[in-house]
Amino acid sequence: MNAIYPTRLIRKLTLATDNQLKYWVKIGLIHPCKRGKTHYYSFREIIKLKLIVMLKNKGLSLQKIRKGIKNLSDVLPASDDPLTRLVIFTDGVDMLVNEKGKYFSATTMQRFFRFDTDTIPSEIVELQSKAQDKPKITDTLKYGEAG
């Protein structure tokens, strides 16, 4: 049986308010089970809640969060919970995702590529050192003429 956790623990863990939790349940963003008056949350719901709270705190609108989570659920395999294996971040305008080195917007599904300028100086040094190890054509001709 999967572990489930009560609302009072979830509030402390995620820093979500009672009103936020109630609203997110009402609009179908989260789906806790209810026993008596208490809602209980699975580990998957905790991941989703922590993501929602983090994105909201960084300025992303609830509409974009909702759309992004729906898009991720639609495009990633259902056998695996998509939110557990992604790196998700925001600039306050969009929900950006890194899945296995591939970058895309969860809200628009626009794909991005990564261009890391930090590696260029080390590549230059490496290429220069390889070039110094190889004999130059003029040096070879010079040695050939002398012999």
C-alpha atoms as a PDB file:
ATOM      1  CA  MET A   1       0.000   0.000   0.000  1.00  0.00           C
ATOM      2  CA  ASN A   2       1.268   3.463  -0.840  1.00  0.00           C
ATOM      3  CA  ALA A   3       1.777   5.822   2.066  1.00  0.00           C
ATOM      4  CA  ILE A   4      -0.574   8.774   2.381  1.00  0.00           C
ATOM      5  CA  TYR A   5      -0.097  11.891   4.456  1.00  0.00           C
ATOM      6  CA  PRO A   6      -2.651  14.134   6.218  1.00  0.00           C
ATOM      7  CA  THR A   7      -3.294  17.770   5.368  1.00  0.00           C
ATOM      8  CA  ARG A   8      -1.648  19.129   8.548  1.00  0.00           C
ATOM      9  CA  LEU A   9       1.666  17.534   7.542  1.00  0.00           C
ATOM     10  CA  ILE A  10       1.275  18.689   3.930  1.00  0.00           C
ATOM     11  CA  ARG A  11       0.761  22.311   5.014  1.00  0.00           C
ATOM     12  CA  LYS A  12       4.022  22.213   6.985  1.00  0.00           C
ATOM     13  CA  LEU A  13       5.919  20.419   4.239  1.00  0.00           C
ATOM     14  CA  THR A  14       4.763  22.540   1.299  1.00  0.00           C
ATOM     15  CA  LEU A  15       3.917  25.818   3.061  1.00  0.00           C
ATOM     16  CA  ALA A  16       0.608  25.833   1.176  1.00  0.00           C
ATOM     17  CA  THR A  17      -2.298  27.403   3.027  1.00  0.00           C
ATOM     18  CA  ASP A  18      -5.612  25.695   3.762  1.00  0.00           C
ATOM     19  CA  ASN A  19      -7.331  28.006   1.292  1.00  0.00           C
ATOM     20  CA  GLN A  20      -4.817  27.196  -1.444  1.00  0.00           C
ATOM     21  CA  LEU A  21      -5.189  23.460  -0.887  1.00  0.00           C
ATOM     22  CA  LYS A  22      -8.984  23.680  -0.914  1.00  0.00           C
ATOM     23  CA  TYR A  23      -8.975  25.755  -4.093  1.00  0.00           C
ATOM     24  CA  TRP A  24      -6.508  23.488  -5.890  1.00  0.00           C
ATOM     25  CA  VAL A  25      -8.670  20.477  -4.993  1.00  0.00           C
ATOM     26  CA  LYS A  26     -11.792  22.335  -6.195  1.00  0.00           C
ATOM     27  CA  ILE A  27     -10.274  23.144  -9.610  1.00  0.00           C
ATOM     28  CA  GLY A  28      -8.864  19.619 -10.009  1.00  0.00           C
ATOM     29  CA  LEU A  29      -5.190  20.550  -9.861  1.00  0.00           C
ATOM     30  CA  ILE A  30      -4.554  18.098  -7.035  1.00  0.00           C
ATOM     31  CA  HIS A  31      -6.445  14.935  -6.122  1.00  0.00           C
ATOM     32  CA  PRO A  32      -6.098  13.893  -2.498  1.00  0.00           C
ATOM     33  CA  CYS A  33      -8.276  11.155  -1.091  1.00  0.00           C
ATOM     34  CA  LYS A  34     -10.695  12.119   1.651  1.00  0.00           C
ATOM     35  CA  ARG A  35     -11.442  10.157   4.802  1.00  0.00           C
ATOM     36  CA  GLY A  36     -13.916  11.856   7.044  1.00  0.00           C
ATOM     37  CA  LYS A  37     -13.027  15.532   7.119  1.00  0.00           C
ATOM     38  CA  THR A  38      -9.325  15.041   6.385  1.00  0.00           C
ATOM     39  CA  HIS A  39      -7.661  14.950   2.995  1.00  0.00           C
ATOM     40  CA  TYR A  40      -4.710  12.608   2.530  1.00  0.00           C
ATOM     41  CA  TYR A  41      -1.993  13.084  -0.073  1.00  0.00           C
ATOM     42  CA  SER A  42       0.195  10.563  -1.861  1.00  0.00           C
ATOM     43  CA  PHE A  43       3.891  11.120  -2.462  1.00  0.00           C
ATOM     44  CA  ARG A  44       3.067  12.067  -6.075  1.00  0.00           C
ATOM     45  CA  GLU A  45       0.656  14.732  -4.865  1.00  0.00           C
ATOM     46  CA  ILE A  46       3.337  16.055  -2.495  1.00  0.00           C
ATOM     47  CA  ILE A  47       5.742  16.434  -5.423  1.00  0.00           C
ATOM     48  CA  LYS A  48       3.067  18.252  -7.399  1.00  0.00           C
ATOM     49  CA  LEU A  49       2.213  20.506  -4.456  1.00  0.00           C
ATOM     50  CA  LYS A  50       5.824  21.435  -3.785  1.00  0.00           C
ATOM     51  CA  LEU A  51       6.204  22.283  -7.477  1.00  0.00           C
ATOM     52  CA  ILE A  52       3.028  24.373  -7.515  1.00  0.00           C
ATOM     53  CA  VAL A  53       4.051  26.333  -4.409  1.00  0.00           C
ATOM     54  CA  MET A  54       7.595  26.911  -5.703  1.00  0.00           C
ATOM     55  CA  LEU A  55       6.384  28.115  -9.105  1.00  0.00           C
ATOM     56  CA  LYS A  56       3.731  30.368  -7.514  1.00  0.00           C
ATOM     57  CA  ASN A  57       6.356  31.863  -5.171  1.00  0.00           C
ATOM     58  CA  LYS A  58       8.557  32.605  -8.196  1.00  0.00           C
ATOM     59  CA  GLY A  59       5.726  34.534  -9.843  1.00  0.00           C
ATOM     60  CA  LEU A  60       4.274  32.017 -12.302  1.00  0.00           C
ATOM     61  CA  SER A  61       0.500  32.272 -12.679  1.00  0.00           C
ATOM     62  CA  LEU A  62      -1.707  29.399 -11.574  1.00  0.00           C
ATOM     63  CA  GLN A  63      -3.121  29.202 -15.119  1.00  0.00           C
ATOM     64  CA  LYS A  64       0.363  28.547 -16.554  1.00  0.00           C
ATOM     65  CA  ILE A  65       1.186  26.068 -13.807  1.00  0.00           C
ATOM     66  CA  ARG A  66      -2.041  24.204 -14.470  1.00  0.00           C
ATOM     67  CA  LYS A  67      -1.452  24.175 -18.238  1.00  0.00           C
ATOM     68  CA  GLY A  68       2.172  23.090 -17.787  1.00  0.00           C
ATOM     69  CA  ILE A  69       1.295  20.195 -15.487  1.00  0.00           C
ATOM     70  CA  LYS A  70      -1.458  19.070 -17.874  1.00  0.00           C
ATOM     71  CA  ASN A  71       0.899  19.240 -20.869  1.00  0.00           C
ATOM     72  CA  LEU A  72       3.559  17.252 -19.036  1.00  0.00           C
ATOM     73  CA  SER A  73       1.011  14.596 -18.087  1.00  0.00           C
ATOM     74  CA  ASP A  74      -0.162  14.417 -21.720  1.00  0.00           C
ATOM     75  CA  VAL A  75       3.264  14.107 -23.380  1.00  0.00           C
ATOM     76  CA  LEU A  76       5.205  11.997 -20.922  1.00  0.00           C
ATOM     77  CA  PRO A  77       4.587   8.279 -20.380  1.00  0.00           C
ATOM     78  CA  ALA A  78       1.717   7.481 -18.041  1.00  0.00           C
ATOM     79  CA  SER A  79       3.540   4.509 -16.502  1.00  0.00           C
ATOM     80  CA  ASP A  80       5.879   6.932 -14.786  1.00  0.00           C
ATOM     81  CA  ASP A  81       4.894  10.024 -12.836  1.00  0.00           C
ATOM     82  CA  PRO A  82       6.309  12.760 -15.075  1.00  0.00           C
ATOM     83  CA  LEU A  83       7.055  15.216 -12.287  1.00  0.00           C
ATOM     84  CA  THR A  84       9.364  12.827 -10.410  1.00  0.00           C
ATOM     85  CA  ARG A  85      12.036  12.700 -13.113  1.00  0.00           C
ATOM     86  CA  LEU A  86      12.179  16.246 -14.389  1.00  0.00           C
ATOM     87  CA  VAL A  87      14.107  19.360 -13.522  1.00  0.00           C
ATOM     88  CA  ILE A  88      11.558  22.174 -13.592  1.00  0.00           C
ATOM     89  CA  PHE A  89      12.307  25.853 -13.167  1.00  0.00           C
ATOM     90  CA  THR A  90      10.782  29.211 -13.964  1.00  0.00           C
ATOM     91  CA  ASP A  91      11.735  32.738 -14.866  1.00  0.00           C
ATOM     92  CA  GLY A  92       8.377  33.932 -13.500  1.00  0.00           C
ATOM     93  CA  VAL A  93       6.909  33.961 -16.999  1.00  0.00           C
ATOM     94  CA  ASP A  94       7.163  30.359 -18.168  1.00  0.00           C
ATOM     95  CA  MET A  95       7.518  26.840 -16.765  1.00  0.00           C
ATOM     96  CA  LEU A  96      10.752  25.454 -18.189  1.00  0.00           C
ATOM     97  CA  VAL A  97      11.630  21.771 -18.125  1.00  0.00           C
ATOM     98  CA  ASN A  98      14.811  19.759 -18.514  1.00  0.00           C
ATOM     99  CA  GLU A  99      14.192  16.119 -19.296  1.00  0.00           C
ATOM    100  CA  LYS A 100      17.334  14.096 -19.965  1.00  0.00           C
ATOM    101  CA  GLY A 101      19.167  17.154 -21.328  1.00  0.00           C
ATOM    102  CA  LYS A 102      16.273  18.293 -23.508  1.00  0.00           C
ATOM    103  CA  TYR A 103      14.776  21.679 -22.674  1.00  0.00           C
ATOM    104  CA  PHE A 104      11.230  22.812 -23.389  1.00  0.00           C
ATOM    105  CA  SER A 105       8.445  25.040 -22.138  1.00  0.00           C
ATOM    106  CA  ALA A 106       5.741  23.052 -20.369  1.00  0.00           C
ATOM    107  CA  THR A 107       3.172  25.750 -21.118  1.00  0.00           C
ATOM    108  CA  THR A 108       3.815  26.260 -24.846  1.00  0.00           C
ATOM    109  CA  MET A 109       5.728  23.027 -25.598  1.00  0.00           C
ATOM    110  CA  GLN A 110       8.365  25.180 -27.363  1.00  0.00           C
ATOM    111  CA  ARG A 111      11.696  23.345 -27.484  1.00  0.00           C
ATOM    112  CA  PHE A 112      14.986  25.002 -26.589  1.00  0.00           C
ATOM    113  CA  PHE A 113      18.590  24.025 -26.965  1.00  0.00           C
ATOM    114  CA  ARG A 114      21.376  24.458 -24.477  1.00  0.00           C
ATOM    115  CA  PHE A 115      24.420  26.465 -25.472  1.00  0.00           C
ATOM    116  CA  ASP A 116      26.934  26.549 -22.642  1.00  0.00           C
ATOM    117  CA  THR A 117      29.522  29.298 -23.149  1.00  0.00           C
ATOM    118  CA  ASP A 118      31.359  28.278 -19.969  1.00  0.00           C
ATOM    119  CA  THR A 119      32.962  25.331 -21.791  1.00  0.00           C
ATOM    120  CA  ILE A 120      34.417  27.362 -24.665  1.00  0.00           C
ATOM    121  CA  PRO A 121      37.633  28.531 -22.903  1.00  0.00           C
ATOM    122  CA  SER A 122      38.535  24.948 -21.903  1.00  0.00           C
ATOM    123  CA  GLU A 123      37.832  23.759 -25.473  1.00  0.00           C
ATOM    124  CA  ILE A 124      40.175  26.436 -26.836  1.00  0.00           C
ATOM    125  CA  VAL A 125      42.959  25.404 -24.449  1.00  0.00           C
ATOM    126  CA  GLU A 126      42.473  21.740 -25.358  1.00  0.00           C
ATOM    127  CA  LEU A 127      42.586  22.449 -29.107  1.00  0.00           C
ATOM    128  CA  GLN A 128      45.650  24.671 -28.735  1.00  0.00           C
ATOM    129  CA  SER A 129      47.512  21.996 -26.764  1.00  0.00           C
ATOM    130  CA  LYS A 130      46.677  19.371 -29.403  1.00  0.00           C
ATOM    131  CA  ALA A 131      47.866  21.732 -32.158  1.00  0.00           C
ATOM    132  CA  GLN A 132      51.212  22.245 -30.375  1.00  0.00           C
ATOM    133  CA  ASP A 133      51.798  18.474 -30.142  1.00  0.00           C
ATOM    134  CA  LYS A 134      51.515  17.981 -33.924  1.00  0.00           C
ATOM    135  CA  PRO A 135      54.547  18.812 -36.074  1.00  0.00           C
ATOM    136  CA  LYS A 136      54.000  21.735 -38.385  1.00  0.00           C
ATOM    137  CA  ILE A 137      54.177  21.148 -42.144  1.00  0.00           C
ATOM    138  CA  THR A 138      57.004  23.651 -42.492  1.00  0.00           C
ATOM    139  CA  ASP A 139      58.975  21.871 -39.732  1.00  0.00           C
ATOM    140  CA  THR A 140      58.568  18.546 -41.541  1.00  0.00           C
ATOM    141  CA  LEU A 141      59.775  19.992 -44.830  1.00  0.00           C
ATOM    142  CA  LYS A 142      62.735  21.581 -43.129  1.00  0.00           C
ATOM    143  CA  TYR A 143      63.775  18.300 -41.514  1.00  0.00           C
ATOM    144  CA  GLY A 144      63.269  16.417 -44.778  1.00  0.00           C
ATOM    145  CA  GLU A 145      65.523  18.792 -46.710  1.00  0.00           C
ATOM    146  CA  ALA A 146      68.275  18.556 -44.147  1.00  0.00           C
ATOM    147  CA  GLY A 147      68.395  14.753 -44.152  1.00  0.00           C
END
